N, C-alpha and C. Protein backbone atom coordinates (compact mmCIF):
# COMPACT_ATOMS: atom_id res chain seq x y z
N ALA A 1 0.64 -1.16 -0.10
CA ALA A 1 -0.27 0.19 -0.19
C ALA A 1 0.96 1.34 -0.23
N MET A 2 0.21 2.18 -0.80
CA MET A 2 1.40 3.74 -0.45
C MET A 2 0.36 4.92 0.29
N LEU A 3 1.43 5.59 0.89
CA LEU A 3 0.64 6.30 1.47
C LEU A 3 1.20 7.82 0.93
N THR A 4 0.83 8.63 0.51
CA THR A 4 1.05 10.14 0.40
C THR A 4 0.20 11.26 0.78
N VAL A 5 1.21 11.98 1.36
CA VAL A 5 0.38 13.44 1.95
C VAL A 5 0.56 14.23 0.85
N VAL A 6 -0.68 15.25 0.43
CA VAL A 6 -0.46 16.26 0.05
C VAL A 6 -2.27 17.31 0.27
N GLY A 7 -1.39 18.38 1.05
CA GLY A 7 -1.81 19.75 1.48
C GLY A 7 -2.73 18.59 3.00
N ARG A 8 -3.83 18.51 3.20
CA ARG A 8 -4.55 18.65 4.17
C ARG A 8 -4.51 16.78 4.39
N CYS A 9 -4.74 16.34 2.69
CA CYS A 9 -5.15 14.95 2.64
C CYS A 9 -4.17 14.26 2.63
N LEU A 10 -4.70 13.01 2.76
CA LEU A 10 -4.14 11.68 2.39
C LEU A 10 -4.39 10.76 1.11
N ILE A 11 -3.06 10.31 0.60
CA ILE A 11 -3.74 9.52 -0.55
C ILE A 11 -2.99 7.74 -0.14
N HIS A 12 -4.22 7.19 0.18
CA HIS A 12 -3.84 5.60 0.24
C HIS A 12 -4.54 5.14 -0.61
N ASP A 13 -3.35 4.46 -1.72
CA ASP A 13 -3.25 3.62 -2.92
C ASP A 13 -4.09 4.51 -3.44
N ASP A 14 -5.10 4.22 -4.20
CA ASP A 14 -5.93 5.32 -4.79
C ASP A 14 -6.92 6.04 -4.23
N THR A 15 -6.89 5.75 -3.00
CA THR A 15 -8.55 6.55 -1.90
C THR A 15 -7.92 7.67 -1.47
N ILE A 16 -8.74 8.66 -1.87
CA ILE A 16 -8.33 9.75 -0.90
C ILE A 16 -8.86 10.13 0.50
N LEU A 17 -8.07 10.25 1.60
CA LEU A 17 -8.62 10.56 2.61
C LEU A 17 -8.58 11.67 3.67
N THR A 18 -9.67 12.09 3.47
CA THR A 18 -9.72 14.00 4.19
C THR A 18 -10.39 13.92 5.33
N ALA A 19 -9.44 14.77 6.32
CA ALA A 19 -10.18 15.11 7.95
C ALA A 19 -11.58 15.64 7.72
N PRO A 20 -12.06 15.20 8.80
CA PRO A 20 -13.84 14.60 9.08
C PRO A 20 -13.83 16.68 8.32
N GLY A 21 -15.13 16.41 8.07
CA GLY A 21 -16.20 17.52 6.97
C GLY A 21 -15.29 18.01 6.06
N GLU A 22 -14.14 17.71 5.55
CA GLU A 22 -13.72 17.94 4.22
C GLU A 22 -13.37 16.97 3.26
N THR A 23 -13.68 17.99 1.72
CA THR A 23 -13.75 17.32 0.64
C THR A 23 -12.67 17.86 0.11
N PRO A 24 -12.34 16.69 -0.92
CA PRO A 24 -11.08 17.63 -1.70
C PRO A 24 -11.68 18.01 -2.65
N ASP A 25 -11.04 19.26 -3.45
CA ASP A 25 -12.12 19.66 -4.32
C ASP A 25 -11.27 18.95 -5.85
N SER A 26 -12.13 20.03 -6.51
CA SER A 26 -11.85 18.97 -8.14
C SER A 26 -10.02 19.16 -8.89
N ASN A 27 -9.83 20.44 -8.42
CA ASN A 27 -8.42 21.44 -8.58
C ASN A 27 -7.40 19.79 -7.73
N PHE A 28 -7.65 19.57 -6.60
CA PHE A 28 -7.11 18.18 -5.76
C PHE A 28 -6.81 17.31 -6.41
N ALA A 29 -8.49 16.81 -7.11
CA ALA A 29 -8.54 15.76 -7.63
C ALA A 29 -7.31 15.62 -9.00
N LEU A 30 -7.30 16.73 -9.71
CA LEU A 30 -6.74 17.03 -10.60
C LEU A 30 -5.51 16.84 -10.77
N GLU A 31 -4.89 17.30 -9.64
CA GLU A 31 -3.09 17.08 -9.15
C GLU A 31 -3.10 15.88 -8.76
N ILE A 32 -3.82 15.12 -8.32
CA ILE A 32 -3.21 13.86 -7.97
C ILE A 32 -3.15 12.68 -9.22
N THR A 33 -4.17 13.09 -10.12
CA THR A 33 -4.48 11.66 -11.34
C THR A 33 -3.56 12.29 -12.46
N SER A 34 -2.99 13.57 -12.37
CA SER A 34 -2.19 13.91 -13.52
C SER A 34 -1.16 13.22 -12.62
N SER A 35 0.28 13.35 -14.28
CA SER A 35 1.24 12.65 -14.10
C SER A 35 2.23 13.98 -13.78
N PRO A 36 3.39 13.88 -12.83
CA PRO A 36 4.39 14.76 -12.06
C PRO A 36 5.12 15.01 -13.80
N PRO A 37 4.93 16.64 -14.23
CA PRO A 37 5.45 17.11 -15.21
C PRO A 37 6.94 16.34 -15.61
N PHE A 38 8.32 17.09 -14.07
CA PHE A 38 9.34 17.06 -13.92
C PHE A 38 9.37 15.23 -14.31
N LYS A 39 8.74 14.83 -14.61
CA LYS A 39 8.90 13.18 -15.07
C LYS A 39 9.33 13.21 -16.44
N VAL A 40 8.49 13.76 -17.19
CA VAL A 40 8.07 13.75 -18.08
C VAL A 40 9.67 13.79 -18.87
N GLU A 41 9.72 15.65 -18.33
CA GLU A 41 10.80 16.31 -18.69
C GLU A 41 11.97 15.76 -18.75
N GLY A 42 12.20 15.01 -17.70
CA GLY A 42 13.10 14.29 -17.44
C GLY A 42 14.10 13.28 -18.21
N ARG A 43 12.89 12.48 -18.42
CA ARG A 43 13.06 11.65 -19.25
C ARG A 43 13.44 11.82 -21.16
N GLU A 44 12.65 12.88 -20.81
CA GLU A 44 13.22 13.36 -22.64
C GLU A 44 14.62 14.01 -22.44
N ARG A 45 14.94 14.31 -21.58
CA ARG A 45 16.42 15.15 -21.50
C ARG A 45 17.21 13.78 -21.22
N LEU A 46 17.49 12.61 -21.10
CA LEU A 46 17.50 11.22 -20.58
C LEU A 46 18.09 10.67 -21.87
N HIS A 47 16.63 10.96 -23.03
CA HIS A 47 16.50 10.35 -24.21
C HIS A 47 17.47 10.89 -24.91
N LYS A 48 17.50 12.36 -25.15
CA LYS A 48 17.98 13.05 -26.33
C LYS A 48 19.51 12.47 -25.93
N LEU A 49 20.20 12.62 -24.70
CA LEU A 49 21.40 12.18 -24.03
C LEU A 49 21.75 10.68 -24.97
N TYR A 50 20.64 9.99 -24.59
CA TYR A 50 20.59 8.61 -25.34
C TYR A 50 21.65 8.89 -26.34
N VAL A 51 20.45 9.30 -27.53
CA VAL A 51 20.81 9.18 -29.24
C VAL A 51 21.98 9.79 -29.39
N HIS A 52 21.92 10.88 -28.60
CA HIS A 52 23.33 11.61 -28.71
C HIS A 52 24.30 10.61 -28.63
N GLU A 53 24.55 9.63 -27.45
CA GLU A 53 25.28 8.66 -27.37
C GLU A 53 25.43 7.91 -28.53
N LEU A 54 24.20 7.33 -29.06
CA LEU A 54 24.07 6.53 -29.88
C LEU A 54 24.89 6.67 -31.81
N LYS A 55 24.86 7.96 -31.54
CA LYS A 55 25.05 8.90 -32.81
C LYS A 55 27.13 9.09 -32.73
N ASP A 56 27.05 9.53 -31.58
CA ASP A 56 28.79 9.43 -31.63
C ASP A 56 29.42 7.74 -31.72
N LEU A 57 28.87 7.18 -31.00
CA LEU A 57 29.20 5.18 -31.09
C LEU A 57 29.04 4.87 -32.37
N TYR A 58 28.42 5.86 -32.76
CA TYR A 58 27.87 5.31 -34.47
C TYR A 58 29.20 5.47 -35.85
N SER A 59 29.31 7.41 -35.43
CA SER A 59 30.33 8.07 -35.64
C SER A 59 31.68 7.32 -35.70
N ALA A 60 31.99 6.87 -34.25
CA ALA A 60 33.13 6.01 -33.48
C ALA A 60 33.17 4.91 -34.85
N GLU A 61 32.43 3.98 -34.88
CA GLU A 61 32.08 2.68 -35.68
C GLU A 61 33.10 2.66 -37.00
N THR A 62 32.09 3.75 -37.75
CA THR A 62 32.11 3.89 -39.26
C THR A 62 33.27 4.80 -39.52
N GLN A 63 33.99 5.61 -38.95
CA GLN A 63 35.29 5.93 -38.86
C GLN A 63 36.19 4.70 -38.81
N LEU A 64 36.17 3.86 -37.98
CA LEU A 64 36.89 2.44 -37.78
C LEU A 64 36.93 1.51 -38.93
N LEU A 65 35.70 1.85 -39.51
CA LEU A 65 35.69 0.74 -40.98
C LEU A 65 37.02 1.50 -41.79
N GLU A 66 37.61 2.63 -41.81
CA GLU A 66 38.21 2.98 -42.56
C GLU A 66 39.44 3.14 -42.08
N ALA A 67 40.08 3.02 -40.90
CA ALA A 67 41.55 3.39 -39.69
C ALA A 67 41.70 1.81 -39.85
N ILE A 68 40.63 0.83 -39.08
CA ILE A 68 41.13 -0.73 -39.10
C ILE A 68 41.82 -1.43 -40.47
N PRO A 69 41.89 -1.41 -41.49
CA PRO A 69 42.42 -1.93 -42.68
C PRO A 69 43.61 -1.25 -42.71
N GLN A 70 43.55 0.09 -42.26
CA GLN A 70 45.11 0.61 -42.27
C GLN A 70 46.00 -0.02 -41.23
N MET A 71 45.14 -0.27 -40.48
CA MET A 71 46.31 -1.02 -39.39
C MET A 71 46.89 -2.03 -39.31
N ARG A 72 45.67 -3.15 -39.68
CA ARG A 72 45.82 -4.09 -40.30
C ARG A 72 46.96 -4.25 -41.22
N ASP A 73 46.87 -3.60 -42.60
CA ASP A 73 47.91 -3.70 -43.00
C ASP A 73 49.44 -3.59 -42.78
N ALA A 74 49.31 -2.33 -41.82
CA ALA A 74 50.52 -1.86 -41.37
C ALA A 74 51.26 -2.71 -40.18
N ALA A 75 50.35 -3.72 -39.59
CA ALA A 75 51.27 -4.80 -38.84
C ALA A 75 51.89 -5.80 -39.64
N THR A 76 53.06 -6.20 -38.22
CA THR A 76 53.71 -7.12 -38.96
C THR A 76 53.49 -8.37 -38.55
N ALA A 77 53.08 -8.64 -37.41
CA ALA A 77 52.96 -10.20 -36.92
C ALA A 77 51.45 -10.44 -37.39
N GLY A 78 51.64 -12.04 -38.05
CA GLY A 78 50.55 -12.06 -37.99
C GLY A 78 49.16 -12.24 -37.35
N GLU A 79 49.41 -13.17 -36.05
CA GLU A 79 48.21 -12.59 -34.98
C GLU A 79 48.05 -11.19 -35.03
N LEU A 80 48.59 -10.38 -35.34
CA LEU A 80 47.96 -8.66 -34.72
C LEU A 80 47.32 -8.52 -36.06
N LYS A 81 48.04 -8.75 -37.18
CA LYS A 81 46.56 -8.66 -38.70
C LYS A 81 45.62 -9.46 -38.45
N GLU A 82 46.01 -10.84 -37.83
CA GLU A 82 44.53 -11.33 -37.78
C GLU A 82 43.36 -10.71 -36.62
N ALA A 83 43.77 -10.08 -35.58
CA ALA A 83 42.88 -9.72 -34.58
C ALA A 83 42.41 -8.73 -35.40
N PHE A 84 43.65 -7.82 -36.01
CA PHE A 84 42.39 -6.32 -36.93
C PHE A 84 41.46 -6.96 -37.43
N ALA A 85 42.13 -7.51 -39.12
CA ALA A 85 41.11 -8.48 -39.31
C ALA A 85 39.99 -9.09 -39.01
N HIS A 86 40.06 -9.75 -37.77
CA HIS A 86 38.54 -10.44 -36.99
C HIS A 86 37.60 -9.17 -36.80
N HIS A 87 38.55 -7.85 -35.84
CA HIS A 87 37.52 -7.18 -35.16
C HIS A 87 36.86 -5.94 -36.59
N LEU A 88 37.61 -6.16 -37.61
CA LEU A 88 37.12 -4.87 -38.76
C LEU A 88 35.31 -5.60 -39.12
N LYS A 89 35.06 -7.26 -39.32
CA LYS A 89 34.35 -7.56 -39.79
C LYS A 89 33.15 -7.86 -38.23
N GLU A 90 33.93 -7.36 -36.68
CA GLU A 90 33.07 -7.32 -36.38
C GLU A 90 32.34 -5.91 -35.96
N THR A 91 33.04 -4.73 -36.32
CA THR A 91 33.07 -3.52 -36.42
C THR A 91 31.61 -3.20 -37.47
N LYS A 92 31.99 -3.83 -38.53
CA LYS A 92 30.83 -4.24 -39.71
C LYS A 92 29.26 -4.63 -38.60
N THR A 93 29.42 -5.36 -38.35
CA THR A 93 28.14 -6.16 -37.29
C THR A 93 27.55 -4.58 -36.06
N HIS A 94 29.00 -4.35 -35.33
CA HIS A 94 28.72 -3.03 -34.57
C HIS A 94 27.66 -1.98 -35.03
N VAL A 95 27.84 -1.87 -36.36
CA VAL A 95 27.16 -0.70 -37.42
C VAL A 95 26.21 -0.93 -37.44
N SER A 96 25.90 -2.15 -37.87
CA SER A 96 24.70 -2.67 -38.48
C SER A 96 23.77 -2.67 -37.49
N ARG A 97 23.84 -2.73 -35.92
CA ARG A 97 23.64 -3.22 -34.89
C ARG A 97 22.69 -1.96 -34.23
N LEU A 98 23.98 -0.30 -34.26
CA LEU A 98 23.10 0.22 -34.12
C LEU A 98 22.42 1.13 -35.29
N GLU A 99 22.43 0.87 -36.34
CA GLU A 99 21.43 1.32 -37.54
C GLU A 99 19.71 0.01 -37.00
N SER A 100 19.84 -0.84 -36.44
CA SER A 100 18.82 -0.94 -36.11
C SER A 100 18.09 -0.78 -34.80
N ILE A 101 19.02 -0.13 -34.30
CA ILE A 101 18.56 0.80 -32.86
C ILE A 101 17.59 1.87 -33.12
N PHE A 102 18.40 2.51 -34.22
CA PHE A 102 18.15 3.92 -34.74
C PHE A 102 16.64 3.80 -35.69
N LYS A 103 16.51 2.56 -36.04
CA LYS A 103 15.24 2.10 -36.63
C LYS A 103 13.98 2.36 -36.07
N SER A 104 14.43 1.61 -34.62
CA SER A 104 13.27 1.68 -33.66
C SER A 104 13.19 2.84 -32.72
N LEU A 105 14.32 3.46 -33.17
CA LEU A 105 13.27 5.16 -32.38
C LEU A 105 13.20 6.02 -33.54
N ASP A 106 13.40 5.68 -34.54
CA ASP A 106 12.50 6.38 -35.67
C ASP A 106 13.62 7.79 -35.50
N PHE A 107 15.01 7.34 -35.73
CA PHE A 107 16.13 8.41 -35.75
C PHE A 107 17.19 8.26 -37.05
N GLU A 108 17.70 9.34 -37.73
CA GLU A 108 18.78 8.91 -38.40
C GLU A 108 19.86 8.71 -37.76
N PRO A 109 20.75 7.77 -38.17
CA PRO A 109 22.01 7.78 -37.04
C PRO A 109 23.24 8.56 -37.21
N GLY A 110 23.19 9.44 -38.80
CA GLY A 110 24.56 10.34 -39.47
C GLY A 110 23.94 11.71 -38.43
N GLY A 111 24.80 12.76 -38.77
CA GLY A 111 24.41 14.33 -38.53
C GLY A 111 25.13 14.42 -37.45
N HIS A 112 26.47 14.14 -37.07
CA HIS A 112 27.40 13.50 -35.87
C HIS A 112 28.81 13.10 -36.38
N ARG A 113 29.90 14.02 -35.71
CA ARG A 113 31.33 13.46 -35.65
C ARG A 113 31.51 13.26 -34.70
N CYS A 114 31.94 12.28 -34.53
CA CYS A 114 32.80 12.24 -33.18
C CYS A 114 34.63 12.59 -33.54
N ALA A 115 34.66 13.41 -32.50
CA ALA A 115 36.09 14.37 -32.75
C ALA A 115 36.79 13.47 -31.66
N ALA A 116 36.56 12.39 -31.03
CA ALA A 116 37.56 11.88 -29.64
C ALA A 116 38.10 10.73 -30.65
N MET A 117 37.08 9.92 -31.42
CA MET A 117 37.61 8.67 -32.57
C MET A 117 38.18 9.55 -33.65
N GLU A 118 38.28 10.85 -33.94
CA GLU A 118 38.74 11.27 -34.94
C GLU A 118 40.36 11.44 -34.42
N GLY A 119 40.53 12.13 -33.35
CA GLY A 119 41.84 12.15 -32.41
C GLY A 119 42.61 10.70 -32.63
N LEU A 120 41.90 10.35 -31.72
CA LEU A 120 42.94 9.11 -31.91
C LEU A 120 42.91 7.81 -33.12
N ILE A 121 42.56 8.07 -33.85
CA ILE A 121 42.91 7.66 -35.39
C ILE A 121 44.16 8.31 -36.24
N LYS A 122 43.89 9.63 -35.78
CA LYS A 122 45.60 10.64 -36.12
C LYS A 122 46.60 10.05 -35.48
N GLU A 123 46.22 9.91 -34.00
CA GLU A 123 47.82 9.25 -33.33
C GLU A 123 47.88 8.07 -34.06
N GLY A 124 47.10 7.20 -34.21
CA GLY A 124 47.70 5.69 -35.15
C GLY A 124 48.27 6.04 -36.20
N GLU A 125 47.99 6.98 -37.33
CA GLU A 125 48.41 7.51 -38.57
C GLU A 125 49.73 8.06 -38.78
N GLY A 126 49.40 8.88 -37.65
CA GLY A 126 51.30 9.43 -36.75
C GLY A 126 51.98 8.06 -36.61
N LEU A 127 51.42 7.56 -36.17
CA LEU A 127 52.74 6.03 -35.52
C LEU A 127 52.61 5.39 -37.30
N ILE A 128 51.73 5.50 -37.97
CA ILE A 128 52.14 4.33 -39.23
C ILE A 128 53.11 5.31 -40.10
N SER A 129 53.27 6.11 -39.86
CA SER A 129 53.48 7.24 -41.41
C SER A 129 55.20 7.37 -40.62
N GLY A 130 55.07 7.40 -39.65
CA GLY A 130 56.38 7.72 -38.17
C GLY A 130 57.74 6.44 -38.81
N ASP A 131 58.65 7.41 -39.24
CA ASP A 131 59.89 6.25 -39.21
C ASP A 131 60.39 4.94 -37.59
N ILE A 132 59.33 4.20 -37.73
CA ILE A 132 59.79 3.06 -36.71
C ILE A 132 59.84 1.98 -37.11
N GLU A 133 60.64 0.76 -36.64
CA GLU A 133 60.86 -0.22 -36.77
C GLU A 133 59.96 -1.31 -36.46
N PRO A 134 59.34 -1.93 -37.70
CA PRO A 134 58.35 -3.10 -37.65
C PRO A 134 57.74 -3.66 -36.00
N ARG A 135 58.69 -4.40 -35.77
CA ARG A 135 58.15 -4.85 -34.62
C ARG A 135 57.91 -3.88 -33.43
N VAL A 136 58.36 -2.71 -33.47
CA VAL A 136 57.88 -1.53 -32.25
C VAL A 136 56.66 -0.86 -32.40
N LEU A 137 56.40 -1.07 -34.33
CA LEU A 137 55.41 -0.60 -34.41
C LEU A 137 54.33 -1.56 -33.97
N ASP A 138 54.30 -2.60 -34.26
CA ASP A 138 53.53 -3.50 -33.77
C ASP A 138 52.70 -3.18 -32.20
N ALA A 139 53.74 -2.88 -31.39
CA ALA A 139 53.10 -2.42 -30.45
C ALA A 139 52.62 -1.26 -29.95
N GLY A 140 53.48 -0.97 -30.98
CA GLY A 140 52.58 0.94 -30.80
C GLY A 140 50.94 0.91 -31.53
N LEU A 141 50.47 0.18 -32.40
CA LEU A 141 49.67 -0.20 -33.04
C LEU A 141 48.48 -0.83 -31.69
N ILE A 142 49.29 -1.85 -31.04
CA ILE A 142 48.31 -2.46 -30.00
C ILE A 142 47.72 -1.08 -28.94
N ALA A 143 48.56 -0.57 -28.48
CA ALA A 143 48.61 0.66 -28.05
C ALA A 143 47.56 1.66 -28.41
N ALA A 144 47.71 2.04 -29.56
CA ALA A 144 46.58 2.78 -30.02
C ALA A 144 45.45 1.88 -30.60
N ALA A 145 45.65 0.99 -30.94
CA ALA A 145 43.85 0.23 -30.67
C ALA A 145 43.30 0.12 -29.41
N GLN A 146 43.94 0.11 -28.30
CA GLN A 146 43.62 -0.74 -27.13
C GLN A 146 42.80 0.70 -26.44
N ARG A 147 43.48 2.12 -26.91
CA ARG A 147 42.65 3.63 -26.27
C ARG A 147 41.37 3.41 -27.28
N VAL A 148 41.20 3.29 -28.74
CA VAL A 148 40.06 2.71 -28.91
C VAL A 148 39.30 2.20 -28.85
N GLU A 149 39.61 0.76 -28.00
CA GLU A 149 38.36 -0.03 -27.29
C GLU A 149 38.37 0.68 -26.37
N HIS A 150 38.99 1.06 -25.14
CA HIS A 150 38.43 1.81 -24.31
C HIS A 150 37.38 2.69 -24.52
N TYR A 151 37.97 3.39 -25.53
CA TYR A 151 37.10 4.77 -25.85
C TYR A 151 35.38 4.11 -26.01
N GLU A 152 35.71 2.81 -26.82
CA GLU A 152 34.24 2.17 -26.88
C GLU A 152 33.47 1.81 -26.06
N MET A 153 34.51 0.87 -25.17
CA MET A 153 33.83 -0.18 -23.71
C MET A 153 32.75 1.21 -22.88
N ALA A 154 33.89 2.53 -22.77
CA ALA A 154 33.11 3.79 -22.04
C ALA A 154 31.98 3.82 -22.94
N GLY A 155 31.78 4.17 -23.93
CA GLY A 155 30.41 4.59 -24.75
C GLY A 155 29.50 3.53 -24.53
N TYR A 156 29.75 2.50 -24.88
CA TYR A 156 28.67 1.43 -25.09
C TYR A 156 28.27 1.37 -23.79
N GLY A 157 29.26 1.04 -22.83
CA GLY A 157 28.69 0.78 -21.30
C GLY A 157 27.59 2.08 -20.48
N THR A 158 27.86 3.31 -21.44
CA THR A 158 27.05 4.77 -20.54
C THR A 158 25.88 4.25 -21.68
N ALA A 159 26.02 4.04 -23.36
CA ALA A 159 24.30 3.98 -23.84
C ALA A 159 23.71 2.79 -22.84
N ARG A 160 23.99 1.97 -22.66
CA ARG A 160 23.45 0.86 -22.38
C ARG A 160 22.70 1.27 -20.97
N ALA A 161 23.58 1.42 -20.26
CA ALA A 161 22.46 2.12 -19.00
C ALA A 161 21.53 3.17 -18.94
N TYR A 162 21.66 3.46 -20.45
CA TYR A 162 21.04 4.71 -20.42
C TYR A 162 19.72 3.68 -20.94
N ALA A 163 19.66 3.11 -21.81
CA ALA A 163 19.02 2.52 -22.41
C ALA A 163 17.96 1.45 -21.58
N GLU A 164 18.54 1.40 -20.51
CA GLU A 164 18.21 0.28 -19.32
C GLU A 164 17.17 1.26 -18.59
N LYS A 165 17.59 2.48 -18.33
CA LYS A 165 16.78 3.42 -17.71
C LYS A 165 15.69 3.87 -18.45
N LEU A 166 15.56 4.06 -19.80
CA LEU A 166 14.62 4.35 -20.24
C LEU A 166 13.13 3.26 -20.70
N GLY A 167 13.79 1.92 -20.43
CA GLY A 167 13.23 0.76 -20.53
C GLY A 167 13.18 0.04 -22.16
N GLU A 168 14.39 0.44 -22.51
CA GLU A 168 14.61 -0.49 -23.80
C GLU A 168 15.53 -1.27 -23.96
N ARG A 169 14.88 -1.84 -23.52
CA ARG A 169 15.23 -3.51 -22.94
C ARG A 169 16.16 -4.29 -24.24
N GLU A 170 15.50 -3.77 -25.73
CA GLU A 170 15.96 -4.56 -26.33
C GLU A 170 17.11 -4.25 -26.91
N ALA A 171 17.19 -2.78 -26.94
CA ALA A 171 18.52 -2.01 -27.33
C ALA A 171 19.52 -2.17 -26.07
N ALA A 172 19.04 -2.09 -24.90
CA ALA A 172 20.52 -2.86 -23.83
C ALA A 172 20.94 -3.87 -24.01
N ASP A 173 19.96 -4.65 -24.22
CA ASP A 173 21.19 -5.95 -24.74
C ASP A 173 21.91 -6.18 -25.76
N THR A 174 21.21 -5.24 -26.84
CA THR A 174 21.87 -5.50 -28.05
C THR A 174 23.59 -4.51 -27.70
N LEU A 175 23.08 -3.62 -27.17
CA LEU A 175 24.22 -2.96 -26.55
C LEU A 175 25.33 -3.11 -25.85
N GLN A 176 24.89 -4.48 -24.25
CA GLN A 176 25.51 -5.17 -23.79
C GLN A 176 26.12 -6.17 -24.82
N LEU A 177 25.57 -6.91 -25.58
CA LEU A 177 26.41 -7.88 -26.46
C LEU A 177 27.80 -7.28 -27.46
N THR A 178 27.49 -5.48 -27.58
CA THR A 178 28.61 -5.24 -28.55
C THR A 178 29.60 -4.91 -27.08
N LEU A 179 29.49 -4.23 -26.22
CA LEU A 179 30.16 -4.00 -25.68
C LEU A 179 30.80 -4.91 -24.70
N ASN A 180 30.63 -6.57 -24.68
CA ASN A 180 31.46 -8.13 -24.73
C ASN A 180 32.29 -8.02 -25.36
N GLU A 181 31.88 -7.67 -26.94
CA GLU A 181 32.41 -7.94 -28.09
C GLU A 181 33.69 -7.35 -27.85
N GLU A 182 33.68 -6.02 -27.48
CA GLU A 182 34.89 -4.77 -27.69
C GLU A 182 35.87 -4.90 -26.55
N GLY A 183 35.31 -5.83 -25.36
CA GLY A 183 35.76 -6.02 -24.04
C GLY A 183 36.91 -7.40 -24.72
N LEU A 184 36.21 -8.15 -25.30
CA LEU A 184 36.90 -9.70 -26.12
C LEU A 184 38.20 -9.20 -26.80
N ALA A 185 37.69 -7.89 -27.67
CA ALA A 185 38.55 -7.99 -28.00
C ALA A 185 40.21 -6.94 -27.62
N ASN A 186 39.84 -6.03 -26.56
CA ASN A 186 40.84 -5.26 -26.12
C ASN A 186 41.53 -6.22 -25.36
N GLN A 187 41.17 -7.48 -24.94
CA GLN A 187 41.56 -9.01 -24.22
C GLN A 187 42.68 -9.13 -24.96
N THR A 188 42.43 -9.50 -26.37
CA THR A 188 43.13 -10.63 -27.15
C THR A 188 43.93 -9.60 -27.42
N LEU A 189 44.36 -8.17 -27.55
CA LEU A 189 45.60 -7.68 -27.68
C LEU A 189 46.24 -7.35 -26.47
N THR A 190 45.82 -7.19 -25.20
CA THR A 190 46.50 -7.93 -24.23
C THR A 190 47.41 -8.85 -24.19
N ARG A 191 46.63 -10.01 -24.61
CA ARG A 191 47.50 -11.32 -24.61
C ARG A 191 48.33 -11.25 -25.55
N LEU A 192 48.11 -10.50 -26.78
CA LEU A 192 49.24 -10.29 -27.64
C LEU A 192 50.54 -9.85 -27.54
N ALA A 193 50.42 -8.38 -26.60
CA ALA A 193 51.38 -7.65 -26.09
C ALA A 193 51.68 -8.19 -25.62
N GLU A 194 51.58 -9.11 -24.61
CA GLU A 194 51.93 -9.02 -23.09
C GLU A 194 52.68 -10.82 -23.31
N ARG A 195 52.45 -11.12 -23.99
CA ARG A 195 52.54 -12.86 -24.75
C ARG A 195 53.77 -12.64 -25.57
N LYS A 196 53.66 -11.90 -26.88
CA LYS A 196 54.44 -12.03 -27.91
C LYS A 196 55.12 -10.47 -28.14
N ILE A 197 54.42 -9.61 -28.81
CA ILE A 197 54.48 -8.45 -29.34
C ILE A 197 55.75 -6.88 -28.70
N ASN A 198 55.10 -7.41 -27.00
CA ASN A 198 56.32 -6.28 -26.78
C ASN A 198 58.06 -6.96 -26.29
N PHE A 199 57.97 -8.58 -26.66
CA PHE A 199 59.31 -9.46 -26.68
C PHE A 199 59.58 -9.23 -27.97
N MET A 200 59.62 -8.53 -28.67
CA MET A 200 59.56 -8.93 -30.10
C MET A 200 59.92 -6.96 -30.49
N ALA A 201 59.32 -6.33 -29.53
CA ALA A 201 59.67 -5.06 -30.04
C ALA A 201 61.01 -4.51 -28.76
N MET A 202 61.33 -5.30 -28.12
CA MET A 202 62.48 -5.03 -27.10
C MET A 202 63.95 -6.06 -27.73
N ASP A 203 63.40 -7.46 -28.53
CA ASP A 203 64.64 -8.11 -28.93
C ASP A 203 64.34 -7.37 -30.13
N LEU A 204 65.16 -6.64 -31.02
CA LEU A 204 65.02 -6.51 -32.79
C LEU A 204 66.80 -7.12 -33.09
N SER A 205 67.23 -8.01 -32.30
CA SER A 205 68.40 -8.73 -33.28
C SER A 205 67.78 -9.71 -34.05
N SER A 206 66.72 -10.38 -33.22
CA SER A 206 66.31 -11.57 -33.92
C SER A 206 65.76 -11.65 -34.92
N LYS A 207 66.23 -11.55 -36.14
CA LYS A 207 64.88 -11.22 -37.28
C LYS A 207 64.54 -12.94 -38.03
């Protein structure tokens, strides 16, 4: 049961309890049956932020569709090339999932440029164009890729939390699926770096 105090009246569930000899007027009845405006406005504000977060992720993912092949081609180690190739396929899937969410929301995915991802990609391009020994470049590419993964994980985690709060359960599950894949991609890069690539970057004598 729910008990609420409004003015000098009590609301017990849907029943209005008044003091002896008093009856609530029509304005009071209207007040208790109307939805509090701040709740609607608050949801709209969060929904706008949610759409903005999705647009940022969509821009980030579409930029990566062009950047990952460059990183794959610049890598020397076969396992690193394979990791980039695999994540490129995943990224295409991530873009499709976001487009599906936008369709369900009746919003277009474009119209926003993720400046953060643009900056991260430029850092990676700087490594590729620099005069760096190939094995050292591999280690640098992993570092650049992991910065990207952490940015995406933060974005997908935030978007999923907004979706859950807004009651967008299907979208929340979809975003969680992508978040899991981004996490696994990051773990793969960590394993490659710690078990092989970083050692090779230090030992340039054995070619």
